[in-house]
Amino acid sequence: MNHAQLIALGRALRVAGEHGQRLDDNAAALNTEEIRQDLERAFALLEEAVSTPKPTTRCPEHPNGPVDPDAFDGCLLCETRRRSGPLTPSPHSVDTDDEASPKRTQSQHRIRADQPQPRKRWIPEMWNGQSWQLCGTPRQSERDAEQYLEQLRRSPDAAAAYRLVYAFTDHDVVRVWGAPTPYRVEL
């Protein structure tokens, strides 16, 4: 039984169940012809579901098609189409700037339009003696981040050094306050 058959049978049985509730209430007038039609519809859907072969894939287009165990929907036909990529034009087609445009191949990586837009962030960091660590939440503006770091530098328990990192697609260190020196361990 495929998903569409299951949904249709569920609806037909719910309609038949509503007739059963009306019989219990004794308030509604009985329409036996409507009850008979709804029950016959449910029996026909059940007969169709039982008589059709069980689907071998989860593909709505090819439920009884050949199986590919590596495909996410199990359909070999759809997976072959996905792997082959877009159809290329025939070499005999008329194209004036064929030499000017490079050949396009499908990449396994997504293109930038598929990715969400990167956000601009200013990340305040402090030197903990061994590495740079985040100190506070990333800010949307450089001025706010610099003011925040200025407050940290003036606090009584200030770190040895602070820096401001601009994060867009890459991380660029914009400004460093102090000199980060590693701890020396003496034995």
Protein backbone atom coordinates (compact mmCIF):
# COMPACT_ATOMS: atom_id res chain seq x y z
CA MET A 1 0.00 0.00 0.00
CA ASN A 2 1.54 3.29 -1.06
CA HIS A 3 1.20 6.60 0.76
CA ALA A 4 -1.59 8.00 -1.44
CA GLN A 5 -3.67 4.85 -1.01
CA LEU A 6 -3.14 4.95 2.73
CA ILE A 7 -4.32 8.58 2.95
CA ALA A 8 -7.43 7.94 0.80
CA LEU A 9 -8.37 4.86 2.83
CA GLY A 10 -7.92 6.79 6.08
CA ARG A 11 -10.27 9.53 4.87
CA ALA A 12 -12.91 7.02 3.77
CA LEU A 13 -12.77 5.23 7.13
CA ARG A 14 -13.05 8.54 9.01
CA VAL A 15 -16.20 9.39 7.03
CA ALA A 16 -17.62 5.96 7.87
CA GLY A 17 -16.71 6.54 11.52
CA GLU A 18 -18.66 9.81 11.52
CA HIS A 19 -21.74 7.84 10.42
CA GLY A 20 -21.19 5.57 13.43
CA GLN A 21 -21.14 8.56 15.77
CA ARG A 22 -24.42 9.82 14.30
CA LEU A 23 -26.01 6.44 14.95
CA ASP A 24 -25.01 6.69 18.62
CA ASP A 25 -26.49 10.18 18.99
CA ASN A 26 -29.95 9.18 17.65
CA ALA A 27 -30.49 12.88 16.96
CA ALA A 28 -29.67 12.89 13.26
CA ALA A 29 -31.94 11.37 10.68
CA LEU A 30 -30.57 8.17 9.18
CA ASN A 31 -29.57 8.30 5.53
CA THR A 32 -28.76 4.65 4.81
CA GLU A 33 -28.01 5.26 1.14
CA GLU A 34 -25.21 7.71 2.05
CA ILE A 35 -23.83 5.26 4.63
CA ARG A 36 -23.84 2.43 2.04
CA GLN A 37 -22.01 4.59 -0.56
CA ASP A 38 -19.32 5.65 1.92
CA LEU A 39 -18.77 2.06 3.08
CA GLU A 40 -18.57 0.83 -0.54
CA ARG A 41 -16.02 3.55 -1.30
CA ALA A 42 -13.91 2.44 1.69
CA PHE A 43 -14.16 -1.24 0.61
CA ALA A 44 -13.12 -0.33 -2.97
CA LEU A 45 -10.10 1.61 -1.69
CA LEU A 46 -9.14 -1.29 0.58
CA GLU A 47 -9.48 -3.77 -2.32
CA GLU A 48 -7.30 -1.56 -4.54
CA ALA A 49 -4.66 -1.26 -1.81
CA VAL A 50 -4.57 -5.01 -1.23
CA SER A 51 -4.47 -5.91 -4.95
CA THR A 52 -1.61 -3.56 -5.94
CA PRO A 53 1.93 -4.79 -5.34
CA LYS A 54 3.86 -3.39 -2.41
CA PRO A 55 6.11 -0.47 -3.51
CA THR A 56 9.79 -1.30 -3.62
CA THR A 57 11.01 2.34 -3.47
CA ARG A 58 9.92 5.52 -1.70
CA CYS A 59 9.83 7.34 -5.04
CA PRO A 60 6.39 8.80 -5.90
CA GLU A 61 7.21 8.65 -9.63
CA HIS A 62 8.48 5.02 -9.72
CA PRO A 63 7.08 3.20 -6.66
CA ASN A 64 7.69 -0.24 -8.19
CA GLY A 65 10.86 0.65 -10.11
CA PRO A 66 14.33 -0.87 -9.74
CA VAL A 67 16.02 -0.36 -6.38
CA ASP A 68 19.29 1.48 -5.68
CA PRO A 69 20.26 0.92 -2.03
CA ASP A 70 22.53 4.01 -2.05
CA ALA A 71 19.81 6.43 -3.21
CA PHE A 72 17.95 8.36 -0.52
CA ASP A 73 14.56 7.38 -1.99
CA GLY A 74 15.74 3.94 -3.17
CA CYS A 75 14.87 4.61 -6.84
CA LEU A 76 17.54 3.61 -9.36
CA LEU A 77 15.88 5.51 -12.21
CA CYS A 78 15.73 8.84 -10.38
CA GLU A 79 19.22 8.41 -8.93
CA THR A 80 20.64 7.77 -12.41
CA ARG A 81 18.97 10.94 -13.65
CA ARG A 82 20.32 12.94 -10.68
CA ARG A 83 23.86 11.61 -11.23
CA SER A 84 23.89 12.37 -14.94
CA GLY A 85 23.20 16.05 -14.30
CA PRO A 86 21.68 18.50 -16.76
CA LEU A 87 21.51 17.56 -20.41
CA THR A 88 24.19 19.13 -22.57
CA PRO A 89 23.24 20.62 -25.95
CA SER A 90 24.12 18.65 -29.06
CA PRO A 91 27.37 19.62 -30.81
CA HIS A 92 25.43 20.31 -34.01
CA SER A 93 23.31 23.07 -32.48
CA VAL A 94 23.92 26.62 -33.68
CA ASP A 95 25.78 28.63 -31.03
CA THR A 96 27.74 31.72 -32.04
CA ASP A 97 29.84 32.29 -28.91
CA ASP A 98 30.72 28.64 -28.30
CA GLU A 99 34.47 29.34 -28.13
CA ALA A 100 34.03 32.40 -25.94
CA SER A 101 32.10 30.69 -23.15
CA PRO A 102 33.86 28.01 -21.10
CA LYS A 103 32.32 24.57 -20.85
CA ARG A 104 30.19 24.27 -17.74
CA THR A 105 30.29 21.09 -15.73
CA GLN A 106 28.20 20.19 -12.76
CA SER A 107 30.10 20.55 -9.51
CA GLN A 108 29.70 18.41 -6.45
CA HIS A 109 29.87 21.64 -4.45
CA ARG A 110 26.96 24.02 -4.21
CA ILE A 111 27.10 27.38 -5.91
CA ARG A 112 27.02 30.61 -3.94
CA ALA A 113 23.34 31.26 -4.76
CA ASP A 114 22.45 28.10 -2.85
CA GLN A 115 24.25 29.31 0.27
CA PRO A 116 22.74 31.79 2.70
CA GLN A 117 24.19 35.27 2.56
CA PRO A 118 27.21 35.70 4.86
CA ARG A 119 26.85 38.11 7.78
CA LYS A 120 29.31 40.80 8.72
CA ARG A 121 30.42 40.43 12.32
CA TRP A 122 33.03 41.98 14.59
CA ILE A 123 34.34 39.40 17.03
CA PRO A 124 36.12 40.57 20.22
CA GLU A 125 38.82 38.18 21.44
CA MET A 126 41.22 38.13 24.37
CA TRP A 127 44.55 36.43 24.94
CA ASN A 128 44.28 33.89 27.75
CA GLY A 129 48.02 33.20 27.87
CA GLN A 130 47.98 30.30 25.42
CA SER A 131 45.51 31.18 22.68
CA TRP A 132 42.93 33.72 21.55
CA GLN A 133 39.46 33.15 22.91
CA LEU A 134 36.10 34.81 22.37
CA CYS A 135 35.25 37.41 25.00
CA GLY A 136 31.69 38.56 24.50
CA THR A 137 29.16 38.22 21.76
CA PRO A 138 29.96 39.16 18.16
CA ARG A 139 28.86 42.70 17.32
CA GLN A 140 27.25 44.06 14.16
CA SER A 141 29.29 47.29 14.08
CA GLU A 142 32.98 47.96 14.55
CA ARG A 143 32.36 50.95 16.82
CA ASP A 144 30.30 48.87 19.30
CA ALA A 145 32.95 46.14 19.38
CA GLU A 146 35.77 48.64 19.99
CA GLN A 147 33.82 50.31 22.81
CA TYR A 148 33.23 46.92 24.40
CA LEU A 149 36.94 46.04 24.23
CA GLU A 150 37.86 49.46 25.64
CA GLN A 151 35.67 48.74 28.68
CA LEU A 152 37.35 45.36 29.14
CA ARG A 153 40.83 46.91 28.91
CA ARG A 154 39.95 49.39 31.67
CA SER A 155 38.55 46.75 34.02
CA PRO A 156 40.68 45.69 37.03
CA ASP A 157 41.05 42.12 35.77
CA ALA A 158 42.04 42.98 32.17
CA ALA A 159 43.72 40.37 29.99
CA ALA A 160 47.25 40.76 28.60
CA ALA A 161 45.95 41.53 25.11
CA TYR A 162 42.74 41.98 23.15
CA ARG A 163 42.03 41.91 19.44
CA LEU A 164 39.14 42.62 17.13
CA VAL A 165 38.44 40.16 14.31
CA TYR A 166 36.31 41.07 11.30
CA ALA A 167 34.38 38.00 10.12
CA PHE A 168 32.71 37.99 6.74
CA THR A 169 33.73 35.14 4.48
CA ASP A 170 37.25 35.14 5.93
CA HIS A 171 38.48 36.26 9.31
CA ASP A 172 40.76 39.31 9.31
CA VAL A 173 42.43 40.63 12.45
CA VAL A 174 41.70 44.34 12.41
CA ARG A 175 43.31 45.67 15.56
CA VAL A 176 45.32 44.28 18.49
CA TRP A 177 45.69 45.90 21.91
CA GLY A 178 48.63 44.77 24.06
CA ALA A 179 51.18 42.05 23.39
CA PRO A 180 50.20 38.40 23.71
CA THR A 181 52.97 36.51 25.50
CA PRO A 182 52.76 32.83 26.31
CA TYR A 183 53.04 31.64 29.89
CA ARG A 184 56.42 30.35 30.88
CA VAL A 185 56.49 27.26 32.97
CA GLU A 186 59.50 26.98 35.23
CA LEU A 187 60.39 23.71 36.85
